[in-house]
Amino acid sequence: MKQTICPVCNTGMEKTQKDKILVQCNSCDVTWTYIGNPVNLEELYQDEVYKVVDNRNSIFEKIIFWESEKIIEKTEMLSESKQPLKILDFGSGKGHFLYKCQQKGWDCHGIETAKDRADFSREKYGVNVSDGFYEGGLVNGGNFDVIALLHVLEHLPDPKGLLKKLLQNLKTNGILIIEVPNIDSWQSRVAGENWMHLDLPKHLSHWNGEVLALQMEQLGLVKLCRQNFSFHLGVLGMTQALLSRLGFKKNIIKELKNNKRISLLLPIMLLLPASVFLELLSLVFGKGGILRIYFKNINSQTPHI
């Protein structure tokens, strides 16, 4: 694929932007990745960063489960539906979040385009996940209380168009949860082009809270609340941002998966207290490394394209 126009509103680049990789759209204010030469998306996701690793019973899994439980608690508090809730996790990955929803007794359904990840979630966590590309229409009869896209929106070549289709599945007053990296975060500014969550060219769009809320309002959604903290993505992103200032140019996730050597682990441990402090401090100013926004669907009729 190529991407030479804004994936959200289809506005082209200005002449002054022709030499940029990251382009801020003059129409919708979304920052997007310019891809002038065709890339094979399937091959992009075969690298070590996206490699499926079995990390069950690890500290990493425990952190993800803890964060999932916090999202579930918040969703139950915000939901107007009787529990247990029916959820569609779009881009469900290895199934961590769905697994915790399932443990709460929710009616769980997932969609994951990467077959190896879908297979892992079904085999290791026993969750209901279908693999393949969503083309539109109802999923498992629709009528979901909750739809979640956790670190999915930034990967979509037509994020708004897909959401319009997907929202046909969400009840009126149902909740949409979107989590994306925060392009306006402190760690983004510290790391610059070496920011872990830029992940070029896999991340096609880059969001801040105001732009995301405005785009969702145009789809008939109202923002309920916003969160900015993630330990495993926020603190890890800040750690790589600080490391980048010391000359570290590699992807910290890839390195931790494959090269757990002392020369990497020692500086991470030394920087970890500073990373936690800075990431927590950034929350005071709304500049945490991730955006997690809960929206309510106020459409009385589902939107169509």
Protein backbone atom coordinates (compact mmCIF):
# COMPACT_ATOMS: atom_id res chain seq x y z
CA MET A 1 0.00 0.00 0.00
CA LYS A 2 0.86 3.69 -0.35
CA GLN A 3 -0.40 6.59 1.73
CA THR A 4 -0.08 10.00 0.11
CA ILE A 5 -3.27 11.61 1.47
CA CYS A 6 -4.74 11.89 4.95
CA PRO A 7 -6.31 8.54 5.91
CA VAL A 8 -9.01 10.27 7.96
CA CYS A 9 -10.34 13.01 5.65
CA ASN A 10 -8.51 12.28 2.35
CA THR A 11 -6.90 15.72 2.18
CA GLY A 12 -3.65 15.89 0.21
CA MET A 13 -0.33 17.32 1.32
CA GLU A 14 0.61 20.96 1.01
CA LYS A 15 3.68 21.76 -1.08
CA THR A 16 5.56 22.80 2.06
CA GLN A 17 5.01 19.29 3.50
CA LYS A 18 6.47 17.31 0.61
CA ASP A 19 9.73 16.50 2.39
CA LYS A 20 8.06 15.25 5.60
CA ILE A 21 7.33 11.71 6.76
CA LEU A 22 4.92 12.87 9.47
CA VAL A 23 2.29 15.23 8.09
CA GLN A 24 -0.23 17.22 10.10
CA CYS A 25 -3.41 17.47 8.07
CA ASN A 26 -4.48 21.06 7.48
CA SER A 27 -8.10 19.97 7.30
CA CYS A 28 -8.72 17.59 10.25
CA ASP A 29 -5.49 18.13 12.27
CA VAL A 30 -4.69 14.41 12.38
CA THR A 31 -0.99 13.63 12.06
CA TRP A 32 -0.39 10.89 9.49
CA THR A 33 2.48 8.95 7.98
CA TYR A 34 3.44 9.69 4.39
CA ILE A 35 4.28 6.50 2.47
CA GLY A 36 5.33 7.38 -1.05
CA ASN A 37 6.74 4.01 -2.07
CA PRO A 38 4.48 0.95 -1.85
CA VAL A 39 4.99 -1.29 1.20
CA ASN A 40 3.72 -4.80 1.84
CA LEU A 41 1.63 -4.61 5.02
CA GLU A 42 1.75 -8.36 5.59
CA GLU A 43 5.54 -8.35 5.55
CA LEU A 44 5.67 -5.35 7.89
CA TYR A 45 3.99 -7.33 10.65
CA GLN A 46 6.34 -10.30 10.36
CA ASP A 47 9.20 -8.62 12.23
CA GLU A 48 10.36 -9.41 15.75
CA VAL A 49 8.36 -6.60 17.38
CA TYR A 50 5.09 -8.31 16.42
CA LYS A 51 6.32 -11.84 16.93
CA VAL A 52 3.96 -13.93 19.06
CA VAL A 53 5.75 -14.86 22.29
CA ASP A 54 4.20 -16.98 25.02
CA ASN A 55 4.68 -14.80 28.11
CA ARG A 56 2.05 -16.43 30.30
CA ASN A 57 2.82 -16.35 34.02
CA SER A 58 5.39 -13.60 33.47
CA ILE A 59 5.49 -10.21 35.16
CA PHE A 60 4.59 -8.73 31.77
CA GLU A 61 1.36 -10.74 31.65
CA LYS A 62 0.50 -9.77 35.23
CA ILE A 63 0.88 -6.08 34.40
CA ILE A 64 -1.32 -6.41 31.30
CA PHE A 65 -3.95 -8.31 33.31
CA TRP A 66 -3.91 -5.63 36.03
CA GLU A 67 -4.40 -2.88 33.45
CA SER A 68 -7.17 -4.88 31.75
CA GLU A 69 -8.98 -5.23 35.07
CA LYS A 70 -8.82 -1.45 35.57
CA ILE A 71 -10.36 -0.88 32.13
CA ILE A 72 -13.10 -3.41 32.90
CA GLU A 73 -13.89 -1.73 36.24
CA LYS A 74 -14.11 1.68 34.55
CA THR A 75 -16.32 0.33 31.78
CA GLU A 76 -18.72 -1.30 34.23
CA MET A 77 -18.96 1.95 36.14
CA LEU A 78 -19.75 3.94 32.97
CA SER A 79 -22.10 1.45 31.34
CA GLU A 80 -25.85 1.93 31.48
CA SER A 81 -26.45 -1.72 30.52
CA LYS A 82 -27.15 -4.53 32.92
CA GLN A 83 -24.16 -6.75 33.56
CA PRO A 84 -22.65 -9.03 32.36
CA LEU A 85 -21.82 -6.96 29.31
CA LYS A 86 -21.46 -8.07 25.71
CA ILE A 87 -18.14 -6.92 24.24
CA LEU A 88 -16.47 -6.91 20.83
CA ASP A 89 -12.69 -6.51 21.07
CA PHE A 90 -11.60 -5.42 17.60
CA GLY A 91 -7.94 -6.22 17.03
CA SER A 92 -7.89 -8.48 20.07
CA GLY A 93 -4.24 -9.50 19.72
CA LYS A 94 -3.19 -12.40 21.93
CA GLY A 95 -6.45 -12.26 23.89
CA HIS A 96 -5.27 -10.79 27.22
CA PHE A 97 -8.08 -8.24 27.53
CA LEU A 98 -10.81 -10.61 26.33
CA TYR A 99 -9.61 -13.26 28.76
CA LYS A 100 -10.10 -10.93 31.72
CA CYS A 101 -13.51 -9.86 30.37
CA GLN A 102 -14.44 -13.52 30.09
CA GLN A 103 -13.40 -14.10 33.69
CA LYS A 104 -15.85 -11.34 34.68
CA GLY A 105 -18.62 -13.31 32.99
CA TRP A 106 -18.97 -10.98 30.00
CA ASP A 107 -20.21 -12.27 26.63
CA CYS A 108 -16.94 -11.98 24.71
CA HIS A 109 -16.19 -11.82 20.99
CA GLY A 110 -12.94 -10.81 19.30
CA ILE A 111 -11.69 -10.10 15.80
CA GLU A 112 -7.97 -10.44 15.06
CA THR A 113 -6.62 -10.28 11.51
CA ALA A 114 -3.28 -11.94 12.38
CA LYS A 115 -4.01 -15.67 12.40
CA ASP A 116 -1.08 -16.56 14.65
CA ARG A 117 -2.34 -14.15 17.31
CA ALA A 118 -5.92 -15.35 16.94
CA ASP A 119 -4.75 -18.96 17.24
CA PHE A 120 -2.75 -18.11 20.38
CA SER A 121 -5.72 -16.41 22.04
CA ARG A 122 -8.02 -19.32 21.28
CA GLU A 123 -5.57 -22.05 22.28
CA LYS A 124 -3.91 -20.45 25.33
CA TYR A 125 -6.70 -18.29 26.77
CA GLY A 126 -9.79 -20.03 25.42
CA VAL A 127 -11.50 -16.89 24.13
CA ASN A 128 -13.88 -16.58 21.19
CA VAL A 129 -11.90 -14.88 18.42
CA SER A 130 -12.39 -14.92 14.65
CA ASP A 131 -9.52 -14.20 12.28
CA GLY A 132 -9.83 -12.46 8.95
CA PHE A 133 -10.65 -8.95 7.78
CA TYR A 134 -13.87 -7.23 8.82
CA GLU A 135 -15.74 -6.05 5.74
CA GLY A 136 -18.78 -4.58 7.49
CA GLY A 137 -22.13 -5.69 8.85
CA LEU A 138 -23.11 -7.27 12.14
CA VAL A 139 -20.75 -9.42 14.18
CA ASN A 140 -22.41 -12.21 16.17
CA GLY A 141 -25.75 -10.44 15.85
CA GLY A 142 -24.38 -7.04 16.89
CA ASN A 143 -26.08 -5.33 19.83
CA PHE A 144 -22.83 -4.99 21.81
CA ASP A 145 -22.67 -3.05 25.05
CA VAL A 146 -18.96 -2.37 24.52
CA ILE A 147 -16.61 -2.19 21.54
CA ALA A 148 -12.89 -1.85 22.25
CA LEU A 149 -10.04 -0.89 19.92
CA LEU A 150 -6.87 -1.01 21.99
CA HIS A 151 -3.89 0.12 19.92
CA VAL A 152 -5.69 -0.62 16.68
CA LEU A 153 -6.88 2.71 15.28
CA GLU A 154 -3.36 3.87 14.41
CA HIS A 155 -2.84 0.82 12.18
CA LEU A 156 -5.95 1.30 10.02
CA PRO A 157 -5.66 2.74 6.49
CA ASP A 158 -9.24 4.12 6.79
CA PRO A 159 -9.87 4.47 10.55
CA LYS A 160 -12.98 6.60 10.38
CA GLY A 161 -14.55 4.59 7.57
CA LEU A 162 -14.04 1.33 9.44
CA LEU A 163 -15.46 2.80 12.66
CA LYS A 164 -18.60 3.87 10.81
CA LYS A 165 -19.14 0.26 9.80
CA LEU A 166 -18.19 -1.13 13.18
CA LEU A 167 -20.55 1.16 15.10
CA GLN A 168 -23.51 -0.64 13.54
CA ASN A 169 -22.74 -3.26 16.19
CA LEU A 170 -22.86 -0.90 19.19
CA LYS A 171 -26.05 -0.32 21.17
CA THR A 172 -27.40 3.16 21.68
CA ASN A 173 -25.70 4.39 24.88
CA GLY A 174 -23.11 1.61 24.45
CA ILE A 175 -19.45 2.36 25.13
CA LEU A 176 -16.59 2.61 22.63
CA ILE A 177 -13.10 2.36 24.16
CA ILE A 178 -10.21 3.62 22.07
CA GLU A 179 -6.60 3.47 23.20
CA VAL A 180 -3.81 4.93 21.04
CA PRO A 181 -0.34 6.40 21.57
CA ASN A 182 -0.42 10.11 22.48
CA ILE A 183 1.50 12.12 19.90
CA ASP A 184 1.41 15.11 22.30
CA SER A 185 3.02 13.18 25.15
CA TRP A 186 6.19 14.21 26.94
CA GLN A 187 7.89 10.99 25.90
CA SER A 188 7.11 11.76 22.25
CA ARG A 189 8.78 15.13 22.58
CA VAL A 190 11.78 13.71 24.44
CA ALA A 191 12.39 10.95 21.88
CA GLY A 192 11.41 12.79 18.71
CA GLU A 193 11.76 10.55 15.66
CA ASN A 194 13.05 7.75 17.94
CA TRP A 195 9.80 7.57 19.92
CA MET A 196 8.85 3.90 20.34
CA HIS A 197 5.17 4.52 19.61
CA LEU A 198 5.74 6.17 16.25
CA ASP A 199 6.46 2.68 14.90
CA LEU A 200 6.81 3.85 11.29
CA PRO A 201 5.44 2.89 8.84
CA LYS A 202 3.11 0.49 10.69
CA HIS A 203 1.37 3.35 12.49
CA LEU A 204 -0.49 5.21 9.78
CA SER A 205 -2.13 7.89 11.94
CA HIS A 206 -1.07 9.61 15.15
CA TRP A 207 -3.51 11.13 17.63
CA ASN A 208 -3.87 13.60 20.44
CA GLY A 209 -6.87 13.75 22.76
CA GLU A 210 -8.57 16.79 21.26
CA VAL A 211 -8.39 15.55 17.66
CA LEU A 212 -9.55 12.06 18.59
CA ALA A 213 -12.52 13.39 20.56
CA LEU A 214 -13.53 15.71 17.70
CA GLN A 215 -13.39 12.93 15.10
CA MET A 216 -15.47 10.62 17.28
CA GLU A 217 -18.04 13.36 17.90
CA GLN A 218 -18.59 13.47 14.14
CA LEU A 219 -19.59 9.81 14.33
CA GLY A 220 -22.23 10.48 16.99
CA LEU A 221 -20.11 9.67 20.04
CA VAL A 222 -19.74 11.67 23.24
CA LYS A 223 -16.57 11.55 25.34
CA LEU A 224 -17.21 10.22 28.83
CA CYS A 225 -13.71 10.27 30.27
CA ARG A 226 -10.04 10.07 29.40
CA GLN A 227 -7.12 8.20 30.94
CA ASN A 228 -3.43 8.56 30.12
CA PHE A 229 -1.56 5.96 32.14
CA SER A 230 -0.28 2.58 31.06
CA PHE A 231 2.53 0.95 32.98
CA HIS A 232 3.72 -1.44 30.28
CA LEU A 233 3.31 1.01 27.36
CA GLY A 234 3.59 4.37 29.09
CA VAL A 235 6.57 3.66 31.32
CA LEU A 236 8.27 1.52 28.69
CA GLY A 237 7.82 4.31 26.14
CA MET A 238 9.32 6.85 28.53
CA THR A 239 12.23 4.50 29.25
CA GLN A 240 13.03 4.21 25.55
CA ALA A 241 12.66 7.97 25.18
CA LEU A 242 15.31 8.52 27.87
CA LEU A 243 17.52 5.80 26.38
CA SER A 244 17.28 7.51 22.99
CA ARG A 245 18.86 10.58 24.56
CA LEU A 246 21.81 8.35 25.45
CA GLY A 247 22.17 7.12 21.87
CA PHE A 248 19.90 4.04 21.97
CA LYS A 249 18.22 3.74 18.55
CA LYS A 250 16.72 0.23 18.60
CA ASN A 251 13.19 -0.87 19.49
CA ILE A 252 13.10 -1.70 23.18
CA ILE A 253 10.29 -4.25 22.80
CA LYS A 254 12.18 -6.16 20.14
CA GLU A 255 15.35 -6.11 22.21
CA LEU A 256 13.62 -7.30 25.37
CA LYS A 257 12.01 -10.15 23.48
CA ASN A 258 15.21 -11.38 21.89
CA ASN A 259 18.29 -9.94 23.59
CA LYS A 260 17.86 -9.82 27.37
CA ARG A 261 21.52 -9.05 27.92
CA ILE A 262 22.93 -7.20 30.89
CA SER A 263 24.12 -4.29 28.72
CA LEU A 264 20.44 -3.51 27.99
CA LEU A 265 18.81 -4.57 31.27
CA LEU A 266 21.17 -2.55 33.48
CA PRO A 267 20.44 0.89 31.93
CA ILE A 268 16.72 0.06 31.86
CA MET A 269 16.76 -0.71 35.59
CA LEU A 270 18.77 2.43 36.31
CA LEU A 271 16.37 4.61 34.33
CA LEU A 272 13.18 2.94 35.52
CA PRO A 273 12.64 5.16 38.62
CA ALA A 274 13.05 8.29 36.51
CA SER A 275 10.76 6.85 33.82
CA VAL A 276 8.01 6.10 36.35
CA PHE A 277 8.36 9.55 37.94
CA LEU A 278 8.29 11.43 34.64
CA GLU A 279 5.39 9.40 33.25
CA LEU A 280 3.35 9.95 36.42
CA LEU A 281 4.19 13.65 36.41
CA SER A 282 3.15 13.90 32.76
CA LEU A 283 -0.34 12.72 33.72
CA VAL A 284 -0.88 15.92 35.69
CA PHE A 285 -0.61 17.86 32.43
CA GLY A 286 -2.47 15.32 30.27
CA LYS A 287 0.77 14.37 28.53
CA GLY A 288 1.01 10.66 29.31
CA GLY A 289 2.31 8.29 26.67
CA ILE A 290 -1.07 6.79 25.79
CA LEU A 291 -4.64 8.00 25.33
CA ARG A 292 -7.51 5.83 26.53
CA ILE A 293 -10.85 7.50 25.90
CA TYR A 294 -14.30 6.11 26.70
CA PHE A 295 -17.11 7.30 24.43
CA LYS A 296 -20.89 6.84 24.60
CA ASN A 297 -22.83 6.10 21.42
CA ILE A 298 -25.73 8.55 21.23
CA ASN A 299 -26.90 7.43 17.80
CA SER A 300 -30.51 6.28 17.88
CA GLN A 301 -29.85 4.62 14.53
CA THR A 302 -26.58 3.01 13.52
CA PRO A 303 -24.48 5.00 11.02
CA HIS A 304 -23.97 3.77 7.48
CA ILE A 305 -21.51 4.67 4.77
